[in-house]
Amino acid sequence: MFIKSLQIANKDGVIRLIKFHAGLNLIVDETPVDEASTESTKTTGNNVGKTTVLMLVDFCLGADAKGIYTDPETKKGEYTLVKNFLIETEVLITLTLVEDLDDPLAKTIVIERNFLSRKKCIRRINGLQKTIEEFEETLTDVLVTGHYGNKPTFSQIISNNIRYKELSVTHTLRTLSSFTRDDEYETLHLFLLGCDFGKGALKQNLLASIRMETTFKNRLESKQTRTAYETSLALLISEINDLDLKKSTFYINPNFENDLNALDDIKYQLSTIGSKLSKLKLRKELIVEAVKDIESGKMEIDTNQLKDLYTEASNNIKNIQVKFESLLSFHNQMVEEKVKFISK
């Protein structure tokens, strides 16, 4: 694929449209030279945007937007003026790729990205919005068909073609970050040379595992030597053997499991009986309390008052057949029967 054009636009319109052609493309300063100006005031042409163009191309191919407005030395300080312009004016970068610059009908890939976030973020390929993962996968499939998910990654592959950072400019082969390992460079260089290295990812994973185990080994040996660990292990094995010997001399009931199950059943029965006993005790206490209440009610009856009530009733109601003594006796008998019923 070839770069056909790079367009920088915002909500006010197109800011710059850079067209590319086959062969060498140069970015030059076309500012007219003022013959009357002194040497100290003449412009050098270093600020025409050569590095910025490369940054924007890299941005369209998946690089982080922060690299455009972040100080490359400190990696923390931001160029606020640039950042605000990119966000507030809604700058949109459009990169057009073609398979053949001389063929107007050649396959074309249009990549669009802006600097906004969330719902306003534009990350499109041929008009289709993509997530970060989908964006990288689609670019990889377009430029390196069938390579997505394998080593080297897409960003590592294009690092040899897009060079604007100090490390990639000064180095011929090692164009990645200073933390990149030799095995990663090996996989990248073999891929660029056209060699089939399908197990590059497997090798990197194995080497990563070896490094992890080596780090763990060094951490262990930093406290004690290997000889000390071996001595400790021998002592532990000897202690385990002694305990196994003692265990073998213990008498173990052959019916231990059956006896244990029987014991569990007995414990369950005891628990059930204890629960029933508690209920019966509570019931007994309630009955005794009820009997006491009934008997106390019998003792608290005022016979004189009851006699006056009977006399008054006799005067108002004629021909009462029951004598007072019989009525009192019947009442006491009913109380006794109630006590007997509750006490059963």
Protein backbone atom coordinates (compact mmCIF):
# COMPACT_ATOMS: atom_id res chain seq x y z
CA MET A 1 0.00 0.00 0.00
CA PHE A 2 1.08 3.58 -0.74
CA ILE A 3 0.13 6.83 0.96
CA LYS A 4 -2.00 8.85 -1.45
CA SER A 5 -2.91 11.84 0.72
CA LEU A 6 -3.02 13.22 4.24
CA GLN A 7 -5.77 15.72 5.03
CA ILE A 8 -6.01 17.90 8.13
CA ALA A 9 -9.43 19.46 8.65
CA ASN A 10 -11.60 20.85 11.42
CA LYS A 11 -15.10 22.23 11.84
CA ASP A 12 -14.12 25.33 9.84
CA GLY A 13 -12.95 23.35 6.80
CA VAL A 14 -9.79 21.84 5.33
CA ILE A 15 -6.60 23.17 6.92
CA ARG A 16 -4.06 21.29 4.84
CA LEU A 17 -4.24 18.64 2.12
CA ILE A 18 -0.93 16.92 1.44
CA LYS A 19 -0.80 14.76 -1.68
CA PHE A 20 1.87 12.12 -2.22
CA HIS A 21 3.31 10.78 -5.47
CA ALA A 22 5.45 7.84 -6.47
CA GLY A 23 9.11 8.17 -5.56
CA LEU A 24 10.68 10.61 -3.12
CA ASN A 25 8.37 13.08 -1.35
CA LEU A 26 9.99 16.15 0.23
CA ILE A 27 8.52 18.68 2.65
CA VAL A 28 10.23 22.02 1.97
CA ASP A 29 9.90 25.57 3.23
CA GLU A 30 8.41 27.78 0.53
CA THR A 31 8.46 30.96 2.61
CA PRO A 32 9.81 33.83 0.44
CA VAL A 33 13.25 35.00 1.48
CA ASP A 34 13.45 38.64 2.52
CA GLU A 35 16.71 39.91 1.06
CA ALA A 36 16.66 42.95 3.33
CA SER A 37 16.48 40.95 6.53
CA THR A 38 19.59 40.30 8.58
CA GLU A 39 21.05 36.85 9.20
CA SER A 40 19.61 36.76 12.73
CA THR A 41 16.03 37.23 11.50
CA LYS A 42 16.04 34.81 8.56
CA THR A 43 13.90 31.69 8.99
CA THR A 44 15.59 28.31 8.75
CA GLY A 45 12.64 26.21 7.59
CA ASN A 46 12.88 23.82 10.54
CA ASN A 47 9.29 24.48 11.64
CA VAL A 48 7.41 23.61 8.46
CA GLY A 49 5.93 20.44 9.97
CA LYS A 50 8.06 17.54 8.74
CA THR A 51 7.92 15.66 12.03
CA THR A 52 4.27 16.58 12.54
CA VAL A 53 3.31 14.95 9.24
CA LEU A 54 5.04 11.73 10.29
CA MET A 55 3.33 11.91 13.69
CA LEU A 56 -0.09 12.29 12.05
CA VAL A 57 0.56 9.36 9.70
CA ASP A 58 1.60 7.26 12.70
CA PHE A 59 -1.50 8.46 14.58
CA CYS A 60 -3.75 7.31 11.75
CA LEU A 61 -2.03 3.92 11.85
CA GLY A 62 -2.86 3.40 15.52
CA ALA A 63 -0.41 5.49 17.56
CA ASP A 64 -1.50 7.28 20.73
CA ALA A 65 -2.78 10.84 20.28
CA LYS A 66 -0.81 12.03 23.30
CA GLY A 67 2.41 11.71 21.35
CA ILE A 68 1.40 14.71 19.23
CA TYR A 69 0.96 17.20 22.08
CA THR A 70 3.19 15.69 24.79
CA ASP A 71 6.80 16.67 25.45
CA PRO A 72 8.90 13.81 23.98
CA GLU A 73 11.61 14.27 26.62
CA THR A 74 9.63 14.30 29.87
CA LYS A 75 6.63 12.31 28.54
CA LYS A 76 4.50 14.31 31.00
CA GLY A 77 4.41 17.96 29.98
CA GLU A 78 1.75 18.85 27.42
CA TYR A 79 1.66 21.60 24.81
CA THR A 80 -1.63 23.08 25.99
CA LEU A 81 -2.03 25.37 22.98
CA VAL A 82 -1.75 22.45 20.54
CA LYS A 83 -3.97 20.16 22.60
CA ASN A 84 -6.73 22.76 22.97
CA PHE A 85 -6.65 23.53 19.25
CA LEU A 86 -6.95 19.85 18.31
CA ILE A 87 -9.88 19.27 20.68
CA GLU A 88 -11.79 22.55 20.60
CA THR A 89 -11.75 22.91 16.79
CA GLU A 90 -12.48 19.16 16.34
CA VAL A 91 -9.49 18.46 14.11
CA LEU A 92 -9.98 15.38 11.90
CA ILE A 93 -7.02 13.60 10.28
CA THR A 94 -7.73 11.58 7.13
CA LEU A 95 -5.10 9.24 5.69
CA THR A 96 -5.75 7.68 2.28
CA LEU A 97 -3.87 4.55 1.22
CA VAL A 98 -3.94 2.93 -2.25
CA GLU A 99 -2.44 -0.19 -3.75
CA ASP A 100 -1.28 1.65 -6.89
CA LEU A 101 -0.77 5.42 -7.14
CA ASP A 102 -1.01 5.32 -10.93
CA ASP A 103 -4.27 3.38 -11.05
CA PRO A 104 -7.36 5.49 -10.23
CA LEU A 105 -9.38 2.28 -9.76
CA ALA A 106 -6.92 0.70 -7.35
CA LYS A 107 -8.09 -0.50 -3.94
CA THR A 108 -8.30 2.44 -1.53
CA ILE A 109 -8.26 2.51 2.27
CA VAL A 110 -9.47 5.69 4.01
CA ILE A 111 -8.51 6.06 7.68
CA GLU A 112 -10.05 8.82 9.82
CA ARG A 113 -9.19 9.77 13.39
CA ASN A 114 -9.80 12.74 15.65
CA PHE A 115 -8.66 13.75 19.12
CA LEU A 116 -11.98 13.68 20.97
CA SER A 117 -13.02 11.03 23.48
CA ARG A 118 -15.95 8.76 24.21
CA LYS A 119 -18.97 9.19 21.95
CA LYS A 120 -17.33 11.98 19.94
CA CYS A 121 -14.28 9.87 19.16
CA ILE A 122 -13.83 9.10 15.46
CA ARG A 123 -11.85 5.98 14.61
CA ARG A 124 -13.05 4.94 11.16
CA ILE A 125 -11.76 2.75 8.36
CA ASN A 126 -13.61 3.16 5.05
CA GLY A 127 -16.42 4.92 6.89
CA LEU A 128 -16.94 2.22 9.53
CA GLN A 129 -16.44 3.17 13.19
CA LYS A 130 -14.11 0.79 15.05
CA THR A 131 -13.11 0.06 18.63
CA ILE A 132 -9.41 0.15 19.53
CA GLU A 133 -9.10 -3.64 19.11
CA GLU A 134 -11.12 -3.70 15.88
CA PHE A 135 -9.09 -0.78 14.49
CA GLU A 136 -5.77 -2.57 14.98
CA GLU A 137 -7.18 -5.87 13.70
CA THR A 138 -8.57 -4.25 10.53
CA LEU A 139 -5.34 -2.37 9.81
CA THR A 140 -3.30 -5.53 10.29
CA ASP A 141 -5.57 -7.55 8.01
CA VAL A 142 -5.44 -4.83 5.35
CA LEU A 143 -1.69 -4.24 5.37
CA VAL A 144 -0.42 -7.64 6.61
CA THR A 145 -3.20 -10.08 5.77
CA GLY A 146 -3.74 -12.91 8.24
CA HIS A 147 -1.09 -11.72 10.69
CA TYR A 148 -3.29 -10.28 13.45
CA GLY A 149 -2.61 -11.81 16.86
CA ASN A 150 0.88 -12.99 15.92
CA LYS A 151 4.35 -11.61 16.57
CA PRO A 152 5.66 -9.10 15.63
CA THR A 153 2.80 -6.69 16.24
CA PHE A 154 1.56 -4.22 13.63
CA SER A 155 3.16 -1.25 15.42
CA GLN A 156 6.50 -3.09 15.52
CA ILE A 157 6.33 -3.85 11.80
CA ILE A 158 5.75 -0.24 10.72
CA SER A 159 8.40 1.13 13.10
CA ASN A 160 11.00 0.66 10.35
CA ASN A 161 8.97 2.79 7.94
CA ILE A 162 7.82 5.64 10.19
CA ARG A 163 10.79 7.22 11.92
CA TYR A 164 10.54 10.52 13.74
CA LYS A 165 11.51 9.65 17.31
CA GLU A 166 15.15 10.11 18.29
CA LEU A 167 15.75 6.40 18.88
CA SER A 168 14.34 5.28 15.53
CA VAL A 169 16.11 8.08 13.65
CA THR A 170 19.57 7.35 15.06
CA HIS A 171 19.29 3.54 14.96
CA THR A 172 19.19 1.57 11.74
CA LEU A 173 17.83 -1.76 12.97
CA ARG A 174 16.75 -1.31 16.58
CA THR A 175 13.89 1.10 16.00
CA LEU A 176 11.70 0.05 18.93
CA SER A 177 11.82 1.27 22.52
CA SER A 178 14.89 0.76 24.68
CA PHE A 179 13.02 -1.90 26.68
CA THR A 180 12.56 -4.21 23.68
CA ARG A 181 14.22 -7.60 24.14
CA ASP A 182 16.55 -9.38 21.71
CA ASP A 183 14.03 -12.16 21.03
CA GLU A 184 11.46 -9.55 19.97
CA TYR A 185 13.96 -8.00 17.56
CA GLU A 186 14.81 -11.46 16.26
CA THR A 187 11.15 -12.13 15.42
CA LEU A 188 10.76 -8.69 13.81
CA HIS A 189 13.87 -8.92 11.65
CA LEU A 190 13.07 -12.45 10.47
CA PHE A 191 9.58 -11.27 9.51
CA LEU A 192 10.93 -8.26 7.61
CA LEU A 193 13.36 -10.53 5.76
CA GLY A 194 10.48 -12.70 4.66
CA CYS A 195 11.45 -15.71 6.77
CA ASP A 196 8.74 -18.00 8.06
CA PHE A 197 8.93 -17.74 11.83
CA GLY A 198 5.49 -18.88 12.93
CA LYS A 199 6.69 -19.91 16.39
CA GLY A 200 8.11 -16.51 17.24
CA ALA A 201 5.31 -15.79 19.69
CA LEU A 202 5.80 -19.20 21.33
CA LYS A 203 9.52 -18.57 21.72
CA GLN A 204 8.89 -15.16 23.30
CA ASN A 205 6.40 -16.69 25.75
CA LEU A 206 8.87 -19.44 26.69
CA LEU A 207 11.66 -16.92 27.20
CA ALA A 208 9.35 -14.79 29.34
CA SER A 209 8.58 -17.87 31.47
CA ILE A 210 12.29 -18.64 31.79
CA ARG A 211 13.00 -15.06 32.91
CA MET A 212 10.21 -15.27 35.48
CA GLU A 213 11.52 -18.56 36.86
CA THR A 214 15.08 -17.22 36.92
CA THR A 215 13.94 -14.15 38.83
CA PHE A 216 12.13 -16.35 41.34
CA LYS A 217 15.22 -18.57 41.68
CA ASN A 218 17.45 -15.56 42.30
CA ARG A 219 15.01 -14.24 44.87
CA LEU A 220 15.08 -17.56 46.72
CA GLU A 221 18.87 -17.80 46.60
CA SER A 222 19.21 -14.24 47.88
CA LYS A 223 18.03 -15.45 51.33
CA GLN A 224 19.74 -18.86 51.45
CA THR A 225 22.06 -20.81 49.23
CA ARG A 226 20.95 -23.86 47.32
CA THR A 227 22.96 -26.06 49.72
CA ALA A 228 21.06 -24.61 52.68
CA TYR A 229 17.71 -25.32 51.00
CA GLU A 230 18.81 -28.89 50.23
CA THR A 231 19.85 -29.40 53.87
CA SER A 232 16.50 -28.06 55.10
CA LEU A 233 14.69 -30.33 52.67
CA ALA A 234 16.64 -33.38 53.91
CA LEU A 235 15.73 -32.54 57.52
CA LEU A 236 12.06 -32.19 56.62
CA ILE A 237 12.06 -35.51 54.77
CA SER A 238 13.69 -37.19 57.79
CA GLU A 239 11.07 -35.70 60.11
CA ILE A 240 8.26 -36.87 57.82
CA ASN A 241 9.71 -40.40 57.82
CA ASP A 242 9.85 -40.42 61.63
CA LEU A 243 6.23 -39.31 61.85
CA ASP A 244 5.18 -41.97 59.34
CA LEU A 245 6.96 -44.59 61.47
CA LYS A 246 5.13 -43.43 64.61
CA LYS A 247 1.87 -43.46 62.72
CA SER A 248 2.44 -47.07 61.66
CA THR A 249 2.83 -48.12 65.33
CA PHE A 250 -0.50 -46.65 66.40
CA TYR A 251 -3.37 -49.10 67.07
CA ILE A 252 -6.28 -48.16 64.88
CA ASN A 253 -9.65 -49.81 65.45
CA PRO A 254 -10.57 -51.62 62.21
CA ASN A 255 -14.21 -50.69 62.81
CA PHE A 256 -13.34 -47.09 63.48
CA GLU A 257 -15.58 -45.65 60.78
CA ASN A 258 -18.58 -47.76 61.83
CA ASP A 259 -18.09 -46.81 65.47
CA LEU A 260 -17.75 -43.18 64.48
CA ASN A 261 -21.02 -43.35 62.52
CA ALA A 262 -22.74 -45.05 65.47
CA LEU A 263 -21.45 -42.33 67.78
CA ASP A 264 -22.82 -39.68 65.46
CA ASP A 265 -26.23 -41.41 65.51
CA ILE A 266 -26.23 -41.52 69.31
CA LYS A 267 -25.31 -37.84 69.46
CA TYR A 268 -28.18 -37.08 67.12
CA GLN A 269 -30.63 -39.10 69.26
CA LEU A 270 -29.40 -37.35 72.41
CA SER A 271 -29.90 -34.01 70.74
CA THR A 272 -33.44 -34.97 69.68
CA ILE A 273 -34.35 -36.27 73.15
CA GLY A 274 -32.86 -33.19 74.77
CA SER A 275 -34.99 -30.99 72.54
CA LYS A 276 -38.15 -32.94 73.44
CA LEU A 277 -37.24 -32.80 77.14
CA SER A 278 -36.85 -29.04 76.98
CA LYS A 279 -40.31 -28.74 75.39
CA LEU A 280 -41.85 -30.97 78.08
CA LYS A 281 -40.21 -28.97 80.87
CA LEU A 282 -41.58 -25.77 79.40
CA ARG A 283 -45.05 -27.30 79.11
CA LYS A 284 -44.90 -28.50 82.73
CA GLU A 285 -43.95 -25.04 83.95
CA LEU A 286 -46.87 -23.52 82.02
CA ILE A 287 -49.32 -26.08 83.47
CA VAL A 288 -48.10 -25.56 87.04
CA GLU A 289 -48.39 -21.82 86.62
CA ALA A 290 -51.93 -22.15 85.19
CA VAL A 291 -53.03 -24.40 88.10
CA LYS A 292 -51.67 -21.91 90.60
CA ASP A 293 -53.57 -19.10 88.88
CA ILE A 294 -56.84 -21.10 88.96
CA GLU A 295 -56.43 -22.12 92.60
CA SER A 296 -55.55 -18.61 93.61
CA GLY A 297 -58.69 -17.45 91.82
CA LYS A 298 -60.72 -19.92 93.88
CA MET A 299 -59.23 -18.66 97.14
CA GLU A 300 -59.83 -15.03 96.24
CA ILE A 301 -63.64 -15.43 95.88
CA ASP A 302 -65.48 -13.25 98.44
CA THR A 303 -68.35 -15.49 99.70
CA ASN A 304 -70.08 -12.64 101.54
CA GLN A 305 -70.18 -10.54 98.41
CA LEU A 306 -71.40 -13.54 96.43
CA LYS A 307 -74.10 -14.09 99.14
CA ASP A 308 -75.33 -10.50 98.77
CA LEU A 309 -75.42 -10.94 94.99
CA TYR A 310 -77.49 -14.13 95.38
CA THR A 311 -79.94 -12.42 97.80
CA GLU A 312 -80.43 -9.50 95.41
CA ALA A 313 -81.05 -11.91 92.55
CA SER A 314 -83.61 -13.84 94.65
CA ASN A 315 -85.56 -10.68 95.40
CA ASN A 316 -85.72 -9.73 91.75
CA ILE A 317 -86.25 -13.19 90.30
CA LYS A 318 -88.90 -15.39 91.87
CA ASN A 319 -88.82 -19.15 92.16
CA ILE A 320 -85.01 -19.63 92.07
CA GLN A 321 -84.68 -23.38 92.67
CA VAL A 322 -80.96 -23.50 93.50
CA LYS A 323 -79.76 -22.66 96.96
CA PHE A 324 -76.74 -20.50 97.48
CA GLU A 325 -74.75 -23.29 99.14
CA SER A 326 -75.39 -25.56 96.15
CA LEU A 327 -74.31 -22.84 93.73
CA LEU A 328 -71.10 -22.23 95.67
CA SER A 329 -70.38 -25.94 95.82
CA PHE A 330 -70.96 -26.28 92.07
CA HIS A 331 -68.56 -23.42 91.36
CA ASN A 332 -65.82 -24.96 93.49
CA GLN A 333 -66.37 -28.31 91.85
CA MET A 334 -65.99 -26.77 88.37
CA VAL A 335 -62.72 -25.13 89.40
CA GLU A 336 -61.39 -28.46 90.65
CA GLU A 337 -62.40 -30.19 87.41
CA LYS A 338 -60.60 -27.48 85.42
CA VAL A 339 -57.46 -28.05 87.47
CA LYS A 340 -57.67 -31.80 86.88
CA PHE A 341 -58.11 -31.29 83.12
CA ILE A 342 -55.11 -28.99 82.84
CA SER A 343 -52.94 -31.26 84.99
CA LYS A 344 -53.46 -34.33 82.78
